[in-house]
């Protein structure tokens, strides 16, 4: 499997994995965050820690990408669906319980993840046929960002907003002294 050959070298720093010789990006470094896809979209009972850690990997990967933009470090978040590994048995369930049409072989998932890395993808979803679906989702998420922290509650809540008191005014000083 190409992915295993490329990632199996011993690492001094597991977050910054050197690319293998022969890669088109030798000399660069990359960070690859791997997480299961569903926690992005669904909440399930009894998996709060699992889902939370996967959501963290996504948020961490996207933030790290921005923080390292000026460096030669590339960041990739891999969002695979169900993958045929021993994870299922360790988690106490059988892989056979899942429809075979949704389970990808680990080798195929790894190869697709590395192909996405080679293509420069920040987010790789190995089974997603049309990347524009992800791009639409991400564009909607980006449109929300400037609206998530504003100085007043949204009008739909019907909350009366007090008039702001300018810093340095007599009213402001009176508030500080009470």
Foldseek 3Di string as FASTA:
>chain_A
DVLCVQQVDDDPDVQWGAGDPPAPLHPATEGEAEAEACLVPDDDPPCVVNSVVRVVSVVVLVVVCVVCVVDSYYYAYEHEHAEPDCVQVVVPHDPVVDDPVRYHYPVQSSVQRVVCVSVRHNYGYSPDPDCVVVVVVVVVVVVCVVVPDDPDDDCVVVDDDDDDDDPPDPVNVVVVVD
